[in-house]
């Protein structure tokens, strides 16, 4: 009798090849990382809400760096870009590799330079994406 019912409930992200891809989600996440770093750097350490304000912004920065990494590597790189794109842009793998590492570095650190480098890398990939559509 239990053979027809699943043993447990599972959840999955849809990976149906719908063909709807957009780097705007990665761009928005990278922009948020930049904004959170700016806000962190502007916090007043003497404020009574400093620890609270800092922890919220750090958590938000890390969440968006993770989201950026997901959108870049799990969605665009593994689902949209194909071998023909790599032929046209031979350094595409390196661009995604570097952007993925910048996502990780932005999870680990508070650096305006690394946050901006991430946004620049994502925008460059978005430009290639737009060019690949034409």
N, C-alpha and C. Protein backbone atom coordinates (compact mmCIF):
# COMPACT_ATOMS: atom_id res chain seq x y z
N UNK A 1 0.81 -1.19 0.00
CA UNK A 1 0.00 0.00 0.00
C UNK A 1 0.86 1.26 0.00
N UNK A 2 1.98 1.27 0.70
CA UNK A 2 2.86 2.43 0.74
C UNK A 2 3.68 2.59 -0.53
N UNK A 3 3.60 1.66 -1.46
CA UNK A 3 4.38 1.74 -2.69
C UNK A 3 3.92 2.86 -3.60
N UNK A 4 2.68 3.25 -3.53
CA UNK A 4 2.15 4.28 -4.42
C UNK A 4 2.31 5.68 -3.86
N UNK A 5 2.64 5.78 -2.60
CA UNK A 5 2.82 7.08 -1.99
C UNK A 5 4.31 7.34 -1.77
N UNK A 6 4.76 8.56 -2.03
CA UNK A 6 6.17 8.85 -1.78
C UNK A 6 6.49 8.76 -0.29
N UNK A 7 7.70 8.35 0.02
CA UNK A 7 8.12 8.21 1.40
C UNK A 7 8.23 9.57 2.08
N UNK A 8 8.56 10.58 1.31
CA UNK A 8 8.66 11.92 1.87
C UNK A 8 8.35 12.95 0.79
N UNK A 9 8.03 14.11 1.22
CA UNK A 9 7.73 15.20 0.30
C UNK A 9 9.03 15.86 -0.14
N UNK A 10 9.17 16.14 -1.42
CA UNK A 10 10.38 16.79 -1.93
C UNK A 10 10.00 18.06 -2.66
N UNK A 11 10.94 18.99 -2.73
CA UNK A 11 10.74 20.25 -3.44
C UNK A 11 11.88 20.39 -4.44
N UNK A 12 11.57 20.93 -5.60
CA UNK A 12 12.61 21.09 -6.62
C UNK A 12 12.40 22.40 -7.37
N UNK A 13 13.51 22.95 -7.80
CA UNK A 13 13.44 24.12 -8.66
C UNK A 13 13.16 23.62 -10.08
N UNK A 14 12.35 24.34 -10.80
CA UNK A 14 12.01 23.94 -12.16
C UNK A 14 13.21 24.11 -13.07
N UNK A 15 13.61 23.05 -13.73
CA UNK A 15 14.70 23.11 -14.70
C UNK A 15 14.18 22.69 -16.08
N UNK A 16 12.93 23.04 -16.34
CA UNK A 16 12.35 22.80 -17.65
C UNK A 16 13.02 23.78 -18.62
N UNK A 17 13.49 23.30 -19.76
CA UNK A 17 14.17 24.21 -20.70
C UNK A 17 13.19 25.14 -21.40
N UNK A 18 12.69 26.12 -20.68
CA UNK A 18 11.67 27.04 -21.20
C UNK A 18 12.27 28.08 -22.15
N UNK A 19 13.57 28.29 -22.03
CA UNK A 19 14.21 29.27 -22.90
C UNK A 19 14.09 30.69 -22.41
N UNK A 20 13.60 30.89 -21.21
CA UNK A 20 13.47 32.23 -20.66
C UNK A 20 14.63 32.44 -19.70
N UNK A 21 15.61 33.20 -20.15
CA UNK A 21 16.80 33.49 -19.36
C UNK A 21 17.04 34.99 -19.40
N UNK A 22 17.56 35.52 -18.31
CA UNK A 22 17.82 36.95 -18.25
C UNK A 22 18.87 37.22 -17.19
N UNK A 23 19.95 37.90 -17.53
CA UNK A 23 20.98 38.20 -16.54
C UNK A 23 20.58 39.30 -15.56
N UNK A 24 19.40 39.88 -15.73
CA UNK A 24 18.98 40.97 -14.86
C UNK A 24 18.92 40.53 -13.39
N UNK A 25 18.64 39.27 -13.15
CA UNK A 25 18.57 38.79 -11.76
C UNK A 25 19.95 38.79 -11.13
N UNK A 26 20.96 38.38 -11.87
CA UNK A 26 22.34 38.42 -11.38
C UNK A 26 22.80 39.87 -11.23
N UNK A 27 22.42 40.71 -12.17
CA UNK A 27 22.80 42.13 -12.09
C UNK A 27 22.19 42.78 -10.85
N UNK A 28 20.92 42.52 -10.61
CA UNK A 28 20.25 43.09 -9.44
C UNK A 28 20.92 42.61 -8.16
N UNK A 29 21.27 41.33 -8.10
CA UNK A 29 21.93 40.79 -6.91
C UNK A 29 23.30 41.44 -6.72
N UNK A 30 24.06 41.60 -7.80
CA UNK A 30 25.38 42.23 -7.70
C UNK A 30 25.26 43.70 -7.29
N UNK A 31 24.26 44.39 -7.81
CA UNK A 31 24.03 45.79 -7.41
C UNK A 31 23.70 45.88 -5.92
N UNK A 32 22.96 44.91 -5.43
CA UNK A 32 22.62 44.89 -4.01
C UNK A 32 23.87 44.66 -3.17
N UNK A 33 24.78 43.79 -3.63
CA UNK A 33 26.04 43.58 -2.91
C UNK A 33 26.80 44.90 -2.80
N UNK A 34 26.90 45.63 -3.91
CA UNK A 34 27.59 46.92 -3.91
C UNK A 34 26.92 47.87 -2.92
N UNK A 35 25.60 47.94 -2.96
CA UNK A 35 24.85 48.86 -2.08
C UNK A 35 25.03 48.48 -0.61
N UNK A 36 25.01 47.20 -0.30
CA UNK A 36 25.17 46.79 1.09
C UNK A 36 26.56 47.13 1.60
N UNK A 37 27.58 46.95 0.78
CA UNK A 37 28.94 47.30 1.19
C UNK A 37 29.03 48.81 1.43
N UNK A 38 28.43 49.60 0.55
CA UNK A 38 28.41 51.06 0.75
C UNK A 38 27.75 51.41 2.08
N UNK A 39 26.62 50.78 2.36
CA UNK A 39 25.91 51.06 3.60
C UNK A 39 26.70 50.59 4.83
N UNK A 40 27.35 49.45 4.72
CA UNK A 40 28.17 48.94 5.83
C UNK A 40 29.29 49.92 6.13
N UNK A 41 29.94 50.39 5.09
CA UNK A 41 31.06 51.31 5.27
C UNK A 41 30.61 52.65 5.86
N UNK A 42 29.35 53.00 5.65
CA UNK A 42 28.83 54.28 6.15
C UNK A 42 28.24 54.19 7.56
N UNK A 43 28.16 52.99 8.12
CA UNK A 43 27.58 52.84 9.46
C UNK A 43 28.41 53.55 10.52
N UNK A 44 27.71 54.06 11.52
CA UNK A 44 28.36 54.71 12.66
C UNK A 44 28.56 53.67 13.75
N UNK A 45 29.83 53.34 14.03
CA UNK A 45 30.15 52.32 15.04
C UNK A 45 29.70 52.72 16.44
N UNK A 46 29.43 53.99 16.65
CA UNK A 46 28.98 54.46 17.97
C UNK A 46 27.46 54.47 18.12
N UNK A 47 26.76 54.12 17.06
CA UNK A 47 25.30 54.10 17.11
C UNK A 47 24.83 52.94 17.98
N UNK A 48 23.76 53.15 18.75
CA UNK A 48 23.24 52.04 19.58
C UNK A 48 22.69 50.89 18.74
N UNK A 49 22.40 51.14 17.47
CA UNK A 49 21.87 50.09 16.59
C UNK A 49 22.94 49.53 15.65
N UNK A 50 24.20 49.85 15.91
CA UNK A 50 25.29 49.46 15.01
C UNK A 50 25.33 47.95 14.75
N UNK A 51 25.33 47.15 15.80
CA UNK A 51 25.45 45.69 15.64
C UNK A 51 24.26 45.15 14.84
N UNK A 52 23.09 45.63 15.16
CA UNK A 52 21.89 45.21 14.44
C UNK A 52 21.97 45.61 12.96
N UNK A 53 22.29 46.88 12.71
CA UNK A 53 22.36 47.38 11.34
C UNK A 53 23.45 46.65 10.55
N UNK A 54 24.58 46.42 11.17
CA UNK A 54 25.67 45.72 10.51
C UNK A 54 25.28 44.28 10.18
N UNK A 55 24.72 43.57 11.14
CA UNK A 55 24.38 42.16 10.91
C UNK A 55 23.33 42.01 9.81
N UNK A 56 22.36 42.91 9.77
CA UNK A 56 21.34 42.83 8.72
C UNK A 56 21.94 43.06 7.34
N UNK A 57 22.82 44.03 7.22
CA UNK A 57 23.43 44.34 5.92
C UNK A 57 24.41 43.25 5.49
N UNK A 58 25.15 42.70 6.42
CA UNK A 58 26.06 41.60 6.09
C UNK A 58 25.27 40.40 5.60
N UNK A 59 24.20 40.06 6.29
CA UNK A 59 23.37 38.93 5.87
C UNK A 59 22.77 39.17 4.50
N UNK A 60 22.30 40.38 4.25
CA UNK A 60 21.71 40.71 2.95
C UNK A 60 22.77 40.63 1.84
N UNK A 61 23.95 41.15 2.13
CA UNK A 61 25.07 41.10 1.17
C UNK A 61 25.39 39.65 0.81
N UNK A 62 25.50 38.80 1.83
CA UNK A 62 25.83 37.40 1.59
C UNK A 62 24.72 36.67 0.83
N UNK A 63 23.48 36.94 1.18
CA UNK A 63 22.35 36.33 0.47
C UNK A 63 22.36 36.71 -1.01
N UNK A 64 22.62 37.97 -1.30
CA UNK A 64 22.61 38.42 -2.69
C UNK A 64 23.84 37.94 -3.45
N UNK A 65 24.97 37.79 -2.78
CA UNK A 65 26.14 37.21 -3.44
C UNK A 65 25.85 35.76 -3.82
N UNK A 66 25.17 35.03 -2.94
CA UNK A 66 24.77 33.64 -3.24
C UNK A 66 23.78 33.60 -4.40
N UNK A 67 22.81 34.50 -4.37
CA UNK A 67 21.82 34.56 -5.45
C UNK A 67 22.50 34.87 -6.78
N UNK A 68 23.45 35.79 -6.76
CA UNK A 68 24.19 36.14 -7.96
C UNK A 68 24.92 34.92 -8.51
N UNK A 69 25.56 34.19 -7.61
CA UNK A 69 26.31 32.98 -8.00
C UNK A 69 25.36 31.95 -8.62
N UNK A 70 24.20 31.76 -8.01
CA UNK A 70 23.20 30.83 -8.54
C UNK A 70 22.75 31.25 -9.94
N UNK A 71 22.39 32.52 -10.07
CA UNK A 71 21.90 33.01 -11.36
C UNK A 71 22.97 32.91 -12.45
N UNK A 72 24.21 33.20 -12.10
CA UNK A 72 25.29 33.11 -13.09
C UNK A 72 25.61 31.66 -13.44
N UNK A 73 25.94 30.87 -12.42
CA UNK A 73 26.50 29.54 -12.67
C UNK A 73 25.44 28.47 -12.90
N UNK A 74 24.40 28.47 -12.09
CA UNK A 74 23.40 27.41 -12.22
C UNK A 74 22.38 27.68 -13.34
N UNK A 75 22.13 28.93 -13.60
CA UNK A 75 21.12 29.25 -14.62
C UNK A 75 21.78 29.61 -15.95
N UNK A 76 22.50 30.72 -16.00
CA UNK A 76 23.05 31.17 -17.29
C UNK A 76 24.12 30.22 -17.83
N UNK A 77 25.10 29.87 -17.00
CA UNK A 77 26.23 29.08 -17.49
C UNK A 77 25.81 27.66 -17.84
N UNK A 78 25.06 27.00 -16.98
CA UNK A 78 24.74 25.59 -17.24
C UNK A 78 23.48 25.37 -18.07
N UNK A 79 22.64 26.41 -18.19
CA UNK A 79 21.39 26.20 -18.93
C UNK A 79 21.31 27.01 -20.22
N UNK A 80 21.85 28.22 -20.23
CA UNK A 80 21.70 29.05 -21.43
C UNK A 80 22.89 28.91 -22.38
N UNK A 81 24.08 29.16 -21.89
CA UNK A 81 25.25 29.18 -22.78
C UNK A 81 25.59 27.77 -23.25
N UNK A 82 25.88 27.68 -24.53
CA UNK A 82 26.16 26.40 -25.20
C UNK A 82 27.56 26.42 -25.80
N UNK A 83 28.06 25.28 -26.28
CA UNK A 83 29.39 25.24 -26.90
C UNK A 83 29.59 26.26 -28.02
N UNK A 84 28.55 26.56 -28.76
CA UNK A 84 28.67 27.56 -29.84
C UNK A 84 29.00 28.94 -29.28
N UNK A 85 28.48 29.23 -28.09
CA UNK A 85 28.81 30.51 -27.46
C UNK A 85 30.28 30.55 -27.05
N UNK A 86 30.79 29.43 -26.57
CA UNK A 86 32.20 29.37 -26.16
C UNK A 86 33.11 29.51 -27.38
N UNK A 87 32.66 29.00 -28.51
CA UNK A 87 33.43 29.18 -29.75
C UNK A 87 33.49 30.66 -30.12
N UNK A 88 32.38 31.35 -29.97
CA UNK A 88 32.32 32.77 -30.32
C UNK A 88 33.06 33.64 -29.31
N UNK A 89 32.97 33.28 -28.02
CA UNK A 89 33.66 34.00 -26.94
C UNK A 89 34.55 32.99 -26.21
N UNK A 90 35.78 32.77 -26.70
CA UNK A 90 36.64 31.73 -26.13
C UNK A 90 36.98 31.92 -24.65
N UNK A 91 36.89 33.12 -24.14
CA UNK A 91 37.20 33.34 -22.72
C UNK A 91 35.96 33.33 -21.83
N UNK A 92 34.84 32.82 -22.36
CA UNK A 92 33.59 32.82 -21.62
C UNK A 92 33.68 31.98 -20.34
N UNK A 93 34.32 30.82 -20.44
CA UNK A 93 34.48 29.98 -19.25
C UNK A 93 35.24 30.74 -18.17
N UNK A 94 36.31 31.42 -18.54
CA UNK A 94 37.11 32.17 -17.58
C UNK A 94 36.30 33.31 -16.96
N UNK A 95 35.46 33.95 -17.76
CA UNK A 95 34.63 35.04 -17.24
C UNK A 95 33.66 34.53 -16.17
N UNK A 96 33.02 33.39 -16.43
CA UNK A 96 32.11 32.81 -15.45
C UNK A 96 32.86 32.30 -14.23
N UNK A 97 34.01 31.68 -14.45
CA UNK A 97 34.85 31.19 -13.36
C UNK A 97 35.22 32.33 -12.42
N UNK A 98 35.70 33.42 -13.00
CA UNK A 98 36.11 34.58 -12.19
C UNK A 98 34.92 35.22 -11.49
N UNK A 99 33.80 35.34 -12.17
CA UNK A 99 32.60 35.93 -11.57
C UNK A 99 32.12 35.06 -10.40
N UNK A 100 32.16 33.76 -10.57
CA UNK A 100 31.77 32.86 -9.48
C UNK A 100 32.66 33.03 -8.26
N UNK A 101 33.95 33.17 -8.49
CA UNK A 101 34.87 33.39 -7.37
C UNK A 101 34.64 34.75 -6.72
N UNK A 102 34.30 35.75 -7.51
CA UNK A 102 33.99 37.05 -6.93
C UNK A 102 32.73 36.98 -6.06
N UNK A 103 31.78 36.16 -6.46
CA UNK A 103 30.59 35.96 -5.62
C UNK A 103 31.01 35.41 -4.27
N UNK A 104 31.85 34.38 -4.29
CA UNK A 104 32.32 33.77 -3.05
C UNK A 104 33.09 34.77 -2.20
N UNK A 105 33.98 35.53 -2.83
CA UNK A 105 34.76 36.52 -2.08
C UNK A 105 33.86 37.57 -1.45
N UNK A 106 32.78 37.93 -2.14
CA UNK A 106 31.85 38.91 -1.58
C UNK A 106 31.00 38.33 -0.46
N UNK A 107 30.88 37.00 -0.41
CA UNK A 107 30.23 36.38 0.74
C UNK A 107 31.16 36.42 1.95
N UNK A 108 32.45 36.31 1.69
CA UNK A 108 33.43 36.19 2.77
C UNK A 108 33.95 37.53 3.29
N UNK A 109 33.92 38.55 2.48
CA UNK A 109 34.58 39.81 2.82
C UNK A 109 33.63 41.00 2.68
N UNK A 110 34.09 42.12 3.21
CA UNK A 110 33.42 43.40 2.99
C UNK A 110 34.43 44.27 2.27
N UNK A 111 34.30 44.34 0.95
CA UNK A 111 35.27 45.05 0.13
C UNK A 111 34.55 45.77 -1.00
N UNK A 112 34.65 47.08 -1.01
CA UNK A 112 34.01 47.84 -2.09
C UNK A 112 34.65 47.52 -3.44
N UNK A 113 35.95 47.24 -3.44
CA UNK A 113 36.64 46.90 -4.70
C UNK A 113 36.12 45.57 -5.26
N UNK A 114 35.96 44.57 -4.39
CA UNK A 114 35.47 43.27 -4.85
C UNK A 114 33.99 43.32 -5.23
N UNK A 115 33.23 44.12 -4.51
CA UNK A 115 31.82 44.29 -4.86
C UNK A 115 31.68 44.92 -6.24
N UNK A 116 32.47 45.95 -6.50
CA UNK A 116 32.43 46.61 -7.81
C UNK A 116 32.96 45.69 -8.90
N UNK A 117 34.00 44.90 -8.59
CA UNK A 117 34.53 43.95 -9.57
C UNK A 117 33.46 42.91 -9.93
N UNK A 118 32.67 42.49 -8.94
CA UNK A 118 31.58 41.54 -9.21
C UNK A 118 30.56 42.17 -10.13
N UNK A 119 30.14 43.39 -9.82
CA UNK A 119 29.15 44.06 -10.67
C UNK A 119 29.69 44.23 -12.09
N UNK A 120 30.95 44.61 -12.22
CA UNK A 120 31.55 44.77 -13.55
C UNK A 120 31.56 43.44 -14.30
N UNK A 121 31.92 42.35 -13.61
CA UNK A 121 31.96 41.03 -14.25
C UNK A 121 30.57 40.59 -14.70
N UNK A 122 29.58 40.82 -13.85
CA UNK A 122 28.20 40.45 -14.19
C UNK A 122 27.71 41.28 -15.37
N UNK A 123 28.02 42.56 -15.37
CA UNK A 123 27.59 43.41 -16.48
C UNK A 123 28.28 43.00 -17.79
N UNK A 124 29.52 42.57 -17.71
CA UNK A 124 30.21 42.09 -18.91
C UNK A 124 29.54 40.82 -19.45
N UNK A 125 29.19 39.90 -18.55
CA UNK A 125 28.49 38.69 -18.97
C UNK A 125 27.11 39.04 -19.53
N UNK A 126 26.43 40.00 -18.92
CA UNK A 126 25.13 40.45 -19.44
C UNK A 126 25.26 41.02 -20.83
N UNK A 127 26.36 41.73 -21.10
CA UNK A 127 26.60 42.25 -22.44
C UNK A 127 26.80 41.14 -23.45
N UNK A 128 27.53 40.11 -23.06
CA UNK A 128 27.73 38.96 -23.95
C UNK A 128 26.40 38.26 -24.18
N UNK A 129 25.62 38.12 -23.11
CA UNK A 129 24.29 37.51 -23.24
C UNK A 129 23.45 38.27 -24.25
N UNK A 130 23.42 39.60 -24.12
CA UNK A 130 22.62 40.43 -25.04
C UNK A 130 23.12 40.27 -26.48
N UNK A 131 24.44 40.25 -26.64
CA UNK A 131 25.01 40.07 -27.97
C UNK A 131 24.69 38.70 -28.56
N UNK A 132 24.62 37.70 -27.68
CA UNK A 132 24.32 36.33 -28.16
C UNK A 132 22.88 36.20 -28.65
N UNK A 133 22.02 37.08 -28.20
CA UNK A 133 20.62 37.04 -28.62
C UNK A 133 20.41 37.66 -29.99
N UNK A 134 21.40 38.46 -30.46
CA UNK A 134 21.21 39.13 -31.75
C UNK A 134 21.86 38.35 -32.88
